[in-house]
All heavy atoms as atom14 arrays in JSON, in Angstrom:
{
  "sequence": "DLQIALRLSLATLNAIALILVRRAVSKRFGRRTSWL",
  "atom14_mask": [
    [1, 1, 1, 1, 1, 1, 1, 1, 0, 0, 0, 0, 0, 0],
    [1, 1, 1, 1, 1, 1, 1, 1, 0, 0, 0, 0, 0, 0],
    [1, 1, 1, 1, 1, 1, 1, 1, 1, 0, 0, 0, 0, 0],
    [1, 1, 1, 1, 1, 1, 1, 1, 0, 0, 0, 0, 0, 0],
    [1, 1, 1, 1, 1, 0, 0, 0, 0, 0, 0, 0, 0, 0],
    [1, 1, 1, 1, 1, 1, 1, 1, 0, 0, 0, 0, 0, 0],
    [1, 1, 1, 1, 1, 1, 1, 1, 1, 1, 1, 0, 0, 0],
    [1, 1, 1, 1, 1, 1, 1, 1, 0, 0, 0, 0, 0, 0],
    [1, 1, 1, 1, 1, 1, 0, 0, 0, 0, 0, 0, 0, 0],
    [1, 1, 1, 1, 1, 1, 1, 1, 0, 0, 0, 0, 0, 0],
    [1, 1, 1, 1, 1, 0, 0, 0, 0, 0, 0, 0, 0, 0],
    [1, 1, 1, 1, 1, 1, 1, 0, 0, 0, 0, 0, 0, 0],
    [1, 1, 1, 1, 1, 1, 1, 1, 0, 0, 0, 0, 0, 0],
    [1, 1, 1, 1, 1, 1, 1, 1, 0, 0, 0, 0, 0, 0],
    [1, 1, 1, 1, 1, 0, 0, 0, 0, 0, 0, 0, 0, 0],
    [1, 1, 1, 1, 1, 1, 1, 1, 0, 0, 0, 0, 0, 0],
    [1, 1, 1, 1, 1, 0, 0, 0, 0, 0, 0, 0, 0, 0],
    [1, 1, 1, 1, 1, 1, 1, 1, 0, 0, 0, 0, 0, 0],
    [1, 1, 1, 1, 1, 1, 1, 1, 0, 0, 0, 0, 0, 0],
    [1, 1, 1, 1, 1, 1, 1, 1, 0, 0, 0, 0, 0, 0],
    [1, 1, 1, 1, 1, 1, 1, 0, 0, 0, 0, 0, 0, 0],
    [1, 1, 1, 1, 1, 1, 1, 1, 1, 1, 1, 0, 0, 0],
    [1, 1, 1, 1, 1, 1, 1, 1, 1, 1, 1, 0, 0, 0],
    [1, 1, 1, 1, 1, 0, 0, 0, 0, 0, 0, 0, 0, 0],
    [1, 1, 1, 1, 1, 1, 1, 0, 0, 0, 0, 0, 0, 0],
    [1, 1, 1, 1, 1, 1, 0, 0, 0, 0, 0, 0, 0, 0],
    [1, 1, 1, 1, 1, 1, 1, 1, 1, 0, 0, 0, 0, 0],
    [1, 1, 1, 1, 1, 1, 1, 1, 1, 1, 1, 0, 0, 0],
    [1, 1, 1, 1, 1, 1, 1, 1, 1, 1, 1, 0, 0, 0],
    [1, 1, 1, 1, 0, 0, 0, 0, 0, 0, 0, 0, 0, 0],
    [1, 1, 1, 1, 1, 1, 1, 1, 1, 1, 1, 0, 0, 0],
    [1, 1, 1, 1, 1, 1, 1, 1, 1, 1, 1, 0, 0, 0],
    [1, 1, 1, 1, 1, 1, 1, 0, 0, 0, 0, 0, 0, 0],
    [1, 1, 1, 1, 1, 1, 0, 0, 0, 0, 0, 0, 0, 0],
    [1, 1, 1, 1, 1, 1, 1, 1, 1, 1, 1, 1, 1, 1],
    [1, 1, 1, 1, 1, 1, 1, 1, 0, 0, 0, 0, 0, 0]
  ],
  "atom14_positions": [
    [[125.65, 75.9, 76.08], [127.05, 75.49, 76.01], [127.89, 76.58, 75.34], [129.05, 76.78, 75.66], [127.18, 74.19, 75.28], [126.64, 73.0, 76.03], [126.49, 73.12, 77.26], [126.32, 71.97, 75.39], [0.0, 0.0, 0.0], [0.0, 0.0, 0.0], [0.0, 0.0, 0.0], [0.0, 0.0, 0.0], [0.0, 0.0, 0.0], [0.0, 0.0, 0.0]],
    [[127.26, 77.27, 74.39], [127.95, 78.44, 73.74], [128.27, 79.51, 74.78], [129.33, 80.12, 74.69], [127.09, 79.02, 72.61], [126.96, 78.24, 71.32], [126.11, 79.03, 70.35], [128.32, 77.97, 70.7], [0.0, 0.0, 0.0], [0.0, 0.0, 0.0], [0.0, 0.0, 0.0], [0.0, 0.0, 0.0], [0.0, 0.0, 0.0], [0.0, 0.0, 0.0]],
    [[127.35, 79.78, 75.69], [127.57, 80.78, 76.71], [128.78, 80.39, 77.54], [129.64, 81.23, 77.85], [126.35, 80.99, 77.6], [126.57, 81.95, 78.73], [125.3, 82.3, 79.48], [124.31, 82.59, 78.88], [125.36, 82.32, 80.8], [0.0, 0.0, 0.0], [0.0, 0.0, 0.0], [0.0, 0.0, 0.0], [0.0, 0.0, 0.0], [0.0, 0.0, 0.0]],
    [[128.85, 79.15, 77.93], [129.99, 78.7, 78.74], [131.26, 78.81, 77.91], [132.32, 79.21, 78.44], [129.76, 77.23, 79.21], [128.52, 77.18, 80.13], [131.0, 76.68, 79.92], [128.14, 75.79, 80.57], [0.0, 0.0, 0.0], [0.0, 0.0, 0.0], [0.0, 0.0, 0.0], [0.0, 0.0, 0.0], [0.0, 0.0, 0.0], [0.0, 0.0, 0.0]],
    [[131.22, 78.46, 76.63], [132.41, 78.52, 75.79], [132.94, 79.94, 75.63], [134.16, 80.16, 75.75], [132.1, 77.92, 74.39], [0.0, 0.0, 0.0], [0.0, 0.0, 0.0], [0.0, 0.0, 0.0], [0.0, 0.0, 0.0], [0.0, 0.0, 0.0], [0.0, 0.0, 0.0], [0.0, 0.0, 0.0], [0.0, 0.0, 0.0], [0.0, 0.0, 0.0]],
    [[132.04, 80.89, 75.42], [132.54, 82.25, 75.22], [133.01, 82.83, 76.54], [134.0, 83.6, 76.59], [131.46, 83.13, 74.58], [130.26, 83.62, 75.44], [130.6, 84.91, 76.15], [129.05, 83.79, 74.52], [0.0, 0.0, 0.0], [0.0, 0.0, 0.0], [0.0, 0.0, 0.0], [0.0, 0.0, 0.0], [0.0, 0.0, 0.0], [0.0, 0.0, 0.0]],
    [[132.43, 82.43, 77.66], [132.91, 82.88, 78.98], [134.27, 82.29, 79.26], [135.14, 82.95, 79.86], [131.88, 82.56, 80.06], [130.67, 83.46, 80.06], [129.85, 83.31, 81.32], [130.69, 83.56, 82.47], [130.52, 83.0, 83.66], [129.54, 82.13, 83.86], [131.34, 83.28, 84.66], [0.0, 0.0, 0.0], [0.0, 0.0, 0.0], [0.0, 0.0, 0.0]],
    [[134.48, 81.04, 78.88], [135.8, 80.4, 79.05], [136.83, 81.11, 78.18], [138.0, 81.29, 78.6], [135.72, 78.95, 78.76], [135.01, 78.04, 79.74], [134.92, 76.62, 79.22], [135.67, 78.06, 81.13], [0.0, 0.0, 0.0], [0.0, 0.0, 0.0], [0.0, 0.0, 0.0], [0.0, 0.0, 0.0], [0.0, 0.0, 0.0], [0.0, 0.0, 0.0]],
    [[136.42, 81.54, 77.01], [137.33, 82.26, 76.13], [137.78, 83.57, 76.77], [138.96, 83.91, 76.73], [136.7, 82.51, 74.76], [136.35, 81.29, 74.12], [0.0, 0.0, 0.0], [0.0, 0.0, 0.0], [0.0, 0.0, 0.0], [0.0, 0.0, 0.0], [0.0, 0.0, 0.0], [0.0, 0.0, 0.0], [0.0, 0.0, 0.0], [0.0, 0.0, 0.0]],
    [[136.8, 84.34, 77.32], [137.14, 85.58, 77.95], [138.01, 85.38, 79.17], [138.97, 86.1, 79.44], [135.82, 86.33, 78.33], [136.0, 87.69, 79.03], [136.77, 88.65, 78.14], [134.63, 88.25, 79.4], [0.0, 0.0, 0.0], [0.0, 0.0, 0.0], [0.0, 0.0, 0.0], [0.0, 0.0, 0.0], [0.0, 0.0, 0.0], [0.0, 0.0, 0.0]],
    [[137.69, 84.33, 79.95], [138.49, 84.02, 81.12], [139.91, 83.66, 80.73], [140.86, 84.06, 81.41], [137.86, 82.86, 81.89], [0.0, 0.0, 0.0], [0.0, 0.0, 0.0], [0.0, 0.0, 0.0], [0.0, 0.0, 0.0], [0.0, 0.0, 0.0], [0.0, 0.0, 0.0], [0.0, 0.0, 0.0], [0.0, 0.0, 0.0], [0.0, 0.0, 0.0]],
    [[140.04, 82.96, 79.63], [141.39, 82.58, 79.15], [142.18, 83.81, 78.73], [143.37, 83.94, 79.04], [141.27, 81.61, 77.96], [140.53, 80.47, 78.36], [142.63, 81.2, 77.46], [0.0, 0.0, 0.0], [0.0, 0.0, 0.0], [0.0, 0.0, 0.0], [0.0, 0.0, 0.0], [0.0, 0.0, 0.0], [0.0, 0.0, 0.0], [0.0, 0.0, 0.0]],
    [[141.55, 84.76, 78.03], [142.22, 85.98, 77.63], [142.71, 86.77, 78.85], [143.83, 87.25, 78.89], [141.31, 86.85, 76.77], [140.95, 86.27, 75.39], [139.92, 87.15, 74.72], [142.19, 86.17, 74.49], [0.0, 0.0, 0.0], [0.0, 0.0, 0.0], [0.0, 0.0, 0.0], [0.0, 0.0, 0.0], [0.0, 0.0, 0.0], [0.0, 0.0, 0.0]],
    [[141.85, 86.87, 79.85], [142.23, 87.57, 81.06], [143.32, 86.83, 81.84], [144.23, 87.46, 82.4], [141.0, 87.79, 81.98], [140.37, 89.15, 81.77], [141.0, 90.17, 81.87], [139.05, 89.11, 81.46], [0.0, 0.0, 0.0], [0.0, 0.0, 0.0], [0.0, 0.0, 0.0], [0.0, 0.0, 0.0], [0.0, 0.0, 0.0], [0.0, 0.0, 0.0]],
    [[143.25, 85.52, 81.82], [144.29, 84.7, 82.51], [145.63, 84.88, 81.78], [146.66, 84.97, 82.46], [143.85, 83.25, 82.52], [0.0, 0.0, 0.0], [0.0, 0.0, 0.0], [0.0, 0.0, 0.0], [0.0, 0.0, 0.0], [0.0, 0.0, 0.0], [0.0, 0.0, 0.0], [0.0, 0.0, 0.0], [0.0, 0.0, 0.0], [0.0, 0.0, 0.0]],
    [[145.61, 84.89, 80.47], [146.86, 85.08, 79.7], [147.49, 86.42, 80.05], [148.75, 86.55, 80.27], [146.61, 84.97, 78.2], [146.29, 83.5, 77.85], [147.83, 85.44, 77.4], [145.81, 83.32, 76.42], [0.0, 0.0, 0.0], [0.0, 0.0, 0.0], [0.0, 0.0, 0.0], [0.0, 0.0, 0.0], [0.0, 0.0, 0.0], [0.0, 0.0, 0.0]],
    [[146.66, 87.46, 80.16], [147.21, 88.78, 80.5], [147.76, 88.79, 81.9], [148.85, 89.39, 82.15], [146.09, 89.84, 80.4], [0.0, 0.0, 0.0], [0.0, 0.0, 0.0], [0.0, 0.0, 0.0], [0.0, 0.0, 0.0], [0.0, 0.0, 0.0], [0.0, 0.0, 0.0], [0.0, 0.0, 0.0], [0.0, 0.0, 0.0], [0.0, 0.0, 0.0]],
    [[147.1, 88.1, 82.85], [147.65, 87.98, 84.21], [148.91, 87.13, 84.22], [149.83, 87.41, 85.06], [146.59, 87.36, 85.13], [145.63, 88.29, 85.85], [144.66, 87.5, 86.69], [146.4, 89.33, 86.69], [0.0, 0.0, 0.0], [0.0, 0.0, 0.0], [0.0, 0.0, 0.0], [0.0, 0.0, 0.0], [0.0, 0.0, 0.0], [0.0, 0.0, 0.0]],
    [[149.0, 86.14, 83.41], [150.21, 85.29, 83.36], [151.36, 86.18, 82.86], [152.5, 86.03, 83.37], [149.94, 84.11, 82.42], [149.07, 83.08, 83.1], [151.29, 83.44, 82.0], [148.51, 82.0, 82.17], [0.0, 0.0, 0.0], [0.0, 0.0, 0.0], [0.0, 0.0, 0.0], [0.0, 0.0, 0.0], [0.0, 0.0, 0.0], [0.0, 0.0, 0.0]],
    [[151.12, 87.04, 81.91], [152.18, 87.97, 81.46], [152.61, 88.87, 82.64], [153.85, 89.11, 82.8], [151.7, 88.82, 80.3], [151.47, 88.09, 78.96], [150.85, 89.06, 77.95], [152.79, 87.54, 78.44], [0.0, 0.0, 0.0], [0.0, 0.0, 0.0], [0.0, 0.0, 0.0], [0.0, 0.0, 0.0], [0.0, 0.0, 0.0], [0.0, 0.0, 0.0]],
    [[151.69, 89.35, 83.39], [152.03, 90.17, 84.59], [152.89, 89.36, 85.54], [153.88, 89.82, 86.06], [150.77, 90.71, 85.25], [151.1, 91.37, 86.58], [150.01, 91.64, 84.35], [0.0, 0.0, 0.0], [0.0, 0.0, 0.0], [0.0, 0.0, 0.0], [0.0, 0.0, 0.0], [0.0, 0.0, 0.0], [0.0, 0.0, 0.0], [0.0, 0.0, 0.0]],
    [[152.47, 88.11, 85.75], [153.25, 87.24, 86.69], [154.69, 87.07, 86.2], [155.65, 87.1, 86.97], [152.59, 85.88, 86.87], [153.25, 85.04, 87.94], [153.02, 83.56, 87.73], [153.76, 83.04, 86.56], [155.07, 82.73, 86.55], [155.83, 82.96, 87.59], [155.59, 82.26, 85.43], [0.0, 0.0, 0.0], [0.0, 0.0, 0.0], [0.0, 0.0, 0.0]],
    [[154.85, 86.9, 84.93], [156.17, 86.7, 84.38], [156.99, 87.99, 84.44], [158.23, 87.94, 84.67], [156.08, 86.23, 82.95], [155.45, 84.81, 82.84], [155.48, 84.2, 81.48], [154.9, 82.84, 81.49], [154.9, 82.03, 80.47], [155.47, 82.41, 79.32], [154.37, 80.84, 80.58], [0.0, 0.0, 0.0], [0.0, 0.0, 0.0], [0.0, 0.0, 0.0]],
    [[156.33, 89.13, 84.33], [157.06, 90.39, 84.52], [157.48, 90.53, 85.97], [158.61, 91.03, 86.26], [156.14, 91.57, 84.11], [0.0, 0.0, 0.0], [0.0, 0.0, 0.0], [0.0, 0.0, 0.0], [0.0, 0.0, 0.0], [0.0, 0.0, 0.0], [0.0, 0.0, 0.0], [0.0, 0.0, 0.0], [0.0, 0.0, 0.0], [0.0, 0.0, 0.0]],
    [[156.62, 90.12, 86.89], [156.98, 90.15, 88.34], [158.15, 89.24, 88.55], [159.07, 89.58, 89.35], [155.76, 89.73, 89.18], [156.15, 89.59, 90.63], [154.64, 90.73, 89.02], [0.0, 0.0, 0.0], [0.0, 0.0, 0.0], [0.0, 0.0, 0.0], [0.0, 0.0, 0.0], [0.0, 0.0, 0.0], [0.0, 0.0, 0.0], [0.0, 0.0, 0.0]],
    [[158.19, 88.07, 87.96], [159.27, 87.15, 88.11], [160.6, 87.78, 87.68], [161.62, 87.6, 88.36], [158.98, 85.88, 87.33], [160.06, 84.95, 87.46], [0.0, 0.0, 0.0], [0.0, 0.0, 0.0], [0.0, 0.0, 0.0], [0.0, 0.0, 0.0], [0.0, 0.0, 0.0], [0.0, 0.0, 0.0], [0.0, 0.0, 0.0], [0.0, 0.0, 0.0]],
    [[160.61, 88.5, 86.58], [161.79, 89.11, 86.06], [162.29, 90.28, 86.91], [163.46, 90.47, 87.18], [161.55, 89.56, 84.62], [162.81, 90.05, 83.92], [162.52, 90.3, 82.43], [163.78, 90.73, 81.7], [163.5, 90.92, 80.24], [0.0, 0.0, 0.0], [0.0, 0.0, 0.0], [0.0, 0.0, 0.0], [0.0, 0.0, 0.0], [0.0, 0.0, 0.0]],
    [[161.3, 91.08, 87.43], [161.68, 92.26, 88.16], [161.87, 92.04, 89.66], [162.74, 92.65, 90.29], [160.61, 93.36, 87.92], [160.97, 94.69, 88.61], [160.49, 95.84, 87.8], [160.81, 97.15, 88.43], [162.0, 97.73, 88.34], [162.98, 97.17, 87.67], [162.21, 98.93, 88.92], [0.0, 0.0, 0.0], [0.0, 0.0, 0.0], [0.0, 0.0, 0.0]],
    [[161.03, 91.15, 90.23], [161.04, 90.99, 91.71], [161.47, 89.57, 92.12], [161.61, 89.33, 93.34], [159.68, 91.31, 92.3], [159.27, 92.72, 92.09], [158.4, 93.04, 91.06], [159.69, 93.75, 92.92], [157.99, 94.35, 90.85], [159.29, 95.04, 92.74], [158.45, 95.36, 91.68], [0.0, 0.0, 0.0], [0.0, 0.0, 0.0], [0.0, 0.0, 0.0]],
    [[161.68, 88.69, 91.2], [162.09, 87.35, 91.56], [160.98, 86.32, 91.41], [159.79, 86.63, 91.49], [0.0, 0.0, 0.0], [0.0, 0.0, 0.0], [0.0, 0.0, 0.0], [0.0, 0.0, 0.0], [0.0, 0.0, 0.0], [0.0, 0.0, 0.0], [0.0, 0.0, 0.0], [0.0, 0.0, 0.0], [0.0, 0.0, 0.0], [0.0, 0.0, 0.0]],
    [[161.39, 85.06, 91.26], [160.45, 83.97, 91.07], [159.51, 83.77, 92.22], [158.29, 83.56, 92.04], [161.17, 82.67, 90.75], [161.74, 82.55, 89.35], [162.29, 81.17, 89.1], [163.29, 80.78, 90.13], [163.77, 79.57, 90.26], [163.31, 78.59, 89.49], [164.69, 79.29, 91.18], [0.0, 0.0, 0.0], [0.0, 0.0, 0.0], [0.0, 0.0, 0.0]],
    [[160.05, 83.78, 93.43], [159.21, 83.54, 94.6], [158.13, 84.64, 94.74], [157.0, 84.36, 95.1], [160.07, 83.5, 95.86], [160.93, 82.24, 95.98], [161.63, 82.19, 97.28], [160.74, 82.24, 98.45], [161.1, 82.58, 99.65], [162.33, 82.97, 99.9], [160.22, 82.57, 100.63], [0.0, 0.0, 0.0], [0.0, 0.0, 0.0], [0.0, 0.0, 0.0]],
    [[158.47, 85.87, 94.46], [157.49, 86.93, 94.49], [156.39, 86.67, 93.46], [155.19, 86.91, 93.73], [158.14, 88.31, 94.24], [159.19, 88.5, 95.19], [157.14, 89.43, 94.39], [0.0, 0.0, 0.0], [0.0, 0.0, 0.0], [0.0, 0.0, 0.0], [0.0, 0.0, 0.0], [0.0, 0.0, 0.0], [0.0, 0.0, 0.0], [0.0, 0.0, 0.0]],
    [[156.79, 86.22, 92.24], [155.77, 85.94, 91.21], [154.87, 84.77, 91.61], [153.67, 84.79, 91.27], [156.47, 85.69, 89.88], [157.05, 84.39, 89.85], [0.0, 0.0, 0.0], [0.0, 0.0, 0.0], [0.0, 0.0, 0.0], [0.0, 0.0, 0.0], [0.0, 0.0, 0.0], [0.0, 0.0, 0.0], [0.0, 0.0, 0.0], [0.0, 0.0, 0.0]],
    [[155.39, 83.77, 92.27], [154.58, 82.68, 92.74], [153.54, 83.13, 93.78], [152.4, 82.74, 93.77], [155.44, 81.56, 93.32], [156.35, 80.92, 92.29], [156.3, 81.04, 90.95], [157.53, 80.14, 92.57], [157.32, 80.35, 90.35], [158.1, 79.78, 91.34], [158.14, 79.66, 93.75], [159.25, 78.99, 91.21], [159.28, 78.9, 93.64], [159.82, 78.56, 92.39]],
    [[154.05, 83.97, 94.7], [153.17, 84.53, 95.74], [152.08, 85.43, 95.11], [150.98, 85.46, 95.59], [153.98, 85.27, 96.79], [154.86, 84.4, 97.69], [155.85, 85.25, 98.47], [154.0, 83.57, 98.61], [0.0, 0.0, 0.0], [0.0, 0.0, 0.0], [0.0, 0.0, 0.0], [0.0, 0.0, 0.0], [0.0, 0.0, 0.0], [0.0, 0.0, 0.0]]
  ]
}
């Protein structure tokens, strides 16, 4: 269960970084582009 927990932690960190990229896309290219 610890292995799953640490992998979920790493996945969350990578997802947060991608979410930041998506929000940058929303600001620069528009909301619909960020959703796509």
